[in-house]
Amino acid sequence: MYRSNIVRIIPLLLLLATGEASAHAFLDHAEPRVGNKVATAPREVTLWFTQKLEPAFSAITVTNAAGQRVDTGKTRVSGSQMSISLRPGGTGTYHVTWHVLSVDAHTTDGSFAFQVGQ
């Protein structure tokens, strides 16, 4: 009897755990794409998330291989999309770091890199 109760409870627990995980804004895709190589430095970096974002608490920073910021410092948020303009830059590895607060009050953050140059 005890074993049959556990078998019935496990699917319920899995369902609840899955529902909690989907309540966060996760990175869906980016432009330039994560890990991609582009010929010239882009004018901006744009990220799309799985939920709408709170503009006042969401930001992107972009640094070059030397760790210097190459973004303009002004993140723009519209719904589930977030962008930042970049200064003209050189070649090498660019690092994108983001922090977001979704409209349901959950925070997530992350980072990725892309390559600039031929």
C-alpha atoms as a PDB file:
ATOM      1  CA  MET A   1       0.000   0.000   0.000  1.00  0.00           C
ATOM      2  CA  TYR A   2       2.802   2.416   0.911  1.00  0.00           C
ATOM      3  CA  ARG A   3       4.520   1.737  -2.408  1.00  0.00           C
ATOM      4  CA  SER A   4       1.393   2.466  -4.458  1.00  0.00           C
ATOM      5  CA  ASN A   5       1.012   5.866  -2.758  1.00  0.00           C
ATOM      6  CA  ILE A   6       4.562   6.785  -3.703  1.00  0.00           C
ATOM      7  CA  VAL A   7       3.939   5.764  -7.306  1.00  0.00           C
ATOM      8  CA  ARG A   8       0.940   8.124  -7.423  1.00  0.00           C
ATOM      9  CA  ILE A   9       2.744  11.027  -5.731  1.00  0.00           C
ATOM     10  CA  ILE A  10       5.881  11.028  -7.913  1.00  0.00           C
ATOM     11  CA  PRO A  11       4.130  12.226 -11.119  1.00  0.00           C
ATOM     12  CA  LEU A  12       2.458  15.014  -9.136  1.00  0.00           C
ATOM     13  CA  LEU A  13       5.806  16.140  -7.710  1.00  0.00           C
ATOM     14  CA  LEU A  14       7.370  16.104 -11.178  1.00  0.00           C
ATOM     15  CA  LEU A  15       4.520  18.176 -12.552  1.00  0.00           C
ATOM     16  CA  LEU A  16       4.915  20.749  -9.769  1.00  0.00           C
ATOM     17  CA  ALA A  17       8.681  20.942 -10.262  1.00  0.00           C
ATOM     18  CA  THR A  18       8.264  21.457 -14.011  1.00  0.00           C
ATOM     19  CA  GLY A  19       5.699  24.209 -13.469  1.00  0.00           C
ATOM     20  CA  GLU A  20       8.071  26.103 -11.168  1.00  0.00           C
ATOM     21  CA  ALA A  21      10.938  25.908 -13.646  1.00  0.00           C
ATOM     22  CA  SER A  22       8.867  27.407 -16.451  1.00  0.00           C
ATOM     23  CA  ALA A  23       8.133  30.509 -14.366  1.00  0.00           C
ATOM     24  CA  HIS A  24      11.517  32.091 -15.147  1.00  0.00           C
ATOM     25  CA  ALA A  25      12.585  34.119 -18.172  1.00  0.00           C
ATOM     26  CA  PHE A  26      15.212  32.026 -19.946  1.00  0.00           C
ATOM     27  CA  LEU A  27      17.250  33.090 -22.942  1.00  0.00           C
ATOM     28  CA  ASP A  28      15.506  31.798 -26.063  1.00  0.00           C
ATOM     29  CA  HIS A  29      17.929  33.084 -28.713  1.00  0.00           C
ATOM     30  CA  ALA A  30      20.293  35.942 -29.468  1.00  0.00           C
ATOM     31  CA  GLU A  31      21.637  37.984 -32.352  1.00  0.00           C
ATOM     32  CA  PRO A  32      24.542  37.548 -32.927  1.00  0.00           C
ATOM     33  CA  ARG A  33      23.874  33.922 -32.111  1.00  0.00           C
ATOM     34  CA  VAL A  34      25.486  32.293 -29.097  1.00  0.00           C
ATOM     35  CA  GLY A  35      28.940  31.028 -30.063  1.00  0.00           C
ATOM     36  CA  ASN A  36      28.642  32.381 -33.614  1.00  0.00           C
ATOM     37  CA  LYS A  37      31.409  34.032 -35.647  1.00  0.00           C
ATOM     38  CA  VAL A  38      30.601  37.263 -37.494  1.00  0.00           C
ATOM     39  CA  ALA A  39      32.822  39.101 -39.992  1.00  0.00           C
ATOM     40  CA  THR A  40      32.472  42.582 -38.478  1.00  0.00           C
ATOM     41  CA  ALA A  41      31.427  43.932 -35.095  1.00  0.00           C
ATOM     42  CA  PRO A  42      27.623  44.241 -34.879  1.00  0.00           C
ATOM     43  CA  ARG A  43      25.909  47.540 -34.146  1.00  0.00           C
ATOM     44  CA  GLU A  44      23.880  45.941 -31.361  1.00  0.00           C
ATOM     45  CA  VAL A  45      23.231  42.759 -29.432  1.00  0.00           C
ATOM     46  CA  THR A  46      19.628  41.591 -29.097  1.00  0.00           C
ATOM     47  CA  LEU A  47      18.369  38.862 -26.769  1.00  0.00           C
ATOM     48  CA  TRP A  48      14.942  37.194 -26.778  1.00  0.00           C
ATOM     49  CA  PHE A  49      13.568  35.555 -23.630  1.00  0.00           C
ATOM     50  CA  THR A  50      10.769  33.116 -22.851  1.00  0.00           C
ATOM     51  CA  GLN A  51       8.808  35.693 -20.803  1.00  0.00           C
ATOM     52  CA  LYS A  52       8.197  39.423 -20.717  1.00  0.00           C
ATOM     53  CA  LEU A  53      10.813  41.414 -18.815  1.00  0.00           C
ATOM     54  CA  GLU A  54      10.736  44.249 -16.290  1.00  0.00           C
ATOM     55  CA  PRO A  55      12.755  47.016 -18.009  1.00  0.00           C
ATOM     56  CA  ALA A  56      13.979  48.720 -14.819  1.00  0.00           C
ATOM     57  CA  PHE A  57      15.637  45.523 -13.556  1.00  0.00           C
ATOM     58  CA  SER A  58      17.015  43.972 -16.766  1.00  0.00           C
ATOM     59  CA  ALA A  59      20.368  44.767 -18.356  1.00  0.00           C
ATOM     60  CA  ILE A  60      23.048  43.612 -20.785  1.00  0.00           C
ATOM     61  CA  THR A  61      26.777  44.326 -20.767  1.00  0.00           C
ATOM     62  CA  VAL A  62      29.142  43.492 -23.603  1.00  0.00           C
ATOM     63  CA  THR A  63      32.933  43.374 -23.229  1.00  0.00           C
ATOM     64  CA  ASN A  64      35.754  42.688 -25.652  1.00  0.00           C
ATOM     65  CA  ALA A  65      38.617  40.219 -25.233  1.00  0.00           C
ATOM     66  CA  ALA A  66      40.504  42.733 -23.059  1.00  0.00           C
ATOM     67  CA  GLY A  67      37.514  43.004 -20.696  1.00  0.00           C
ATOM     68  CA  GLN A  68      36.653  46.549 -21.789  1.00  0.00           C
ATOM     69  CA  ARG A  69      32.995  47.441 -22.184  1.00  0.00           C
ATOM     70  CA  VAL A  70      31.998  47.978 -25.802  1.00  0.00           C
ATOM     71  CA  ASP A  71      28.301  48.619 -25.170  1.00  0.00           C
ATOM     72  CA  THR A  72      26.748  52.073 -24.856  1.00  0.00           C
ATOM     73  CA  GLY A  73      25.378  51.338 -21.386  1.00  0.00           C
ATOM     74  CA  LYS A  74      21.699  51.838 -22.252  1.00  0.00           C
ATOM     75  CA  THR A  75      19.712  48.602 -22.393  1.00  0.00           C
ATOM     76  CA  ARG A  76      16.376  48.739 -24.226  1.00  0.00           C
ATOM     77  CA  VAL A  77      13.573  46.354 -23.264  1.00  0.00           C
ATOM     78  CA  SER A  78      10.365  45.700 -25.177  1.00  0.00           C
ATOM     79  CA  GLY A  79       8.234  42.792 -24.007  1.00  0.00           C
ATOM     80  CA  SER A  80      10.467  39.716 -24.009  1.00  0.00           C
ATOM     81  CA  GLN A  81      13.196  41.331 -26.143  1.00  0.00           C
ATOM     82  CA  MET A  82      16.229  43.196 -24.823  1.00  0.00           C
ATOM     83  CA  SER A  83      18.876  45.066 -26.870  1.00  0.00           C
ATOM     84  CA  ILE A  84      21.955  47.196 -26.363  1.00  0.00           C
ATOM     85  CA  SER A  85      23.903  49.231 -28.925  1.00  0.00           C
ATOM     86  CA  LEU A  86      27.630  48.660 -29.351  1.00  0.00           C
ATOM     87  CA  ARG A  87      30.441  51.108 -30.039  1.00  0.00           C
ATOM     88  CA  PRO A  88      32.500  50.429 -33.147  1.00  0.00           C
ATOM     89  CA  GLY A  89      34.930  47.724 -32.163  1.00  0.00           C
ATOM     90  CA  GLY A  90      37.663  45.456 -33.296  1.00  0.00           C
ATOM     91  CA  THR A  91      38.013  41.755 -33.742  1.00  0.00           C
ATOM     92  CA  GLY A  92      38.197  39.004 -31.164  1.00  0.00           C
ATOM     93  CA  THR A  93      35.913  37.467 -28.586  1.00  0.00           C
ATOM     94  CA  TYR A  94      32.964  39.491 -27.304  1.00  0.00           C
ATOM     95  CA  HIS A  95      31.372  38.473 -23.994  1.00  0.00           C
ATOM     96  CA  VAL A  96      27.686  39.160 -23.386  1.00  0.00           C
ATOM     97  CA  THR A  97      26.412  39.123 -19.796  1.00  0.00           C
ATOM     98  CA  TRP A  98      22.747  39.597 -18.951  1.00  0.00           C
ATOM     99  CA  HIS A  99      20.525  39.830 -15.904  1.00  0.00           C
ATOM    100  CA  VAL A 100      16.734  39.942 -16.163  1.00  0.00           C
ATOM    101  CA  LEU A 101      13.691  40.173 -13.959  1.00  0.00           C
ATOM    102  CA  SER A 102      10.613  38.630 -15.535  1.00  0.00           C
ATOM    103  CA  VAL A 103       7.147  40.093 -14.987  1.00  0.00           C
ATOM    104  CA  ASP A 104       6.414  37.266 -12.544  1.00  0.00           C
ATOM    105  CA  ALA A 105       9.276  38.562 -10.304  1.00  0.00           C
ATOM    106  CA  HIS A 106      11.820  35.793 -10.971  1.00  0.00           C
ATOM    107  CA  THR A 107      15.410  36.737 -11.814  1.00  0.00           C
ATOM    108  CA  THR A 108      17.799  34.893 -14.114  1.00  0.00           C
ATOM    109  CA  ASP A 109      21.194  35.734 -15.490  1.00  0.00           C
ATOM    110  CA  GLY A 110      23.733  34.289 -17.830  1.00  0.00           C
ATOM    111  CA  SER A 111      26.460  34.919 -20.334  1.00  0.00           C
ATOM    112  CA  PHE A 112      27.764  33.779 -23.686  1.00  0.00           C
ATOM    113  CA  ALA A 113      30.417  34.717 -26.213  1.00  0.00           C
ATOM    114  CA  PHE A 114      30.660  35.287 -29.939  1.00  0.00           C
ATOM    115  CA  GLN A 115      33.618  35.916 -32.240  1.00  0.00           C
ATOM    116  CA  VAL A 116      34.243  38.964 -34.428  1.00  0.00           C
ATOM    117  CA  GLY A 117      36.661  38.739 -37.327  1.00  0.00           C
ATOM    118  CA  GLN A 118      37.505  36.577 -40.263  1.00  0.00           C
END
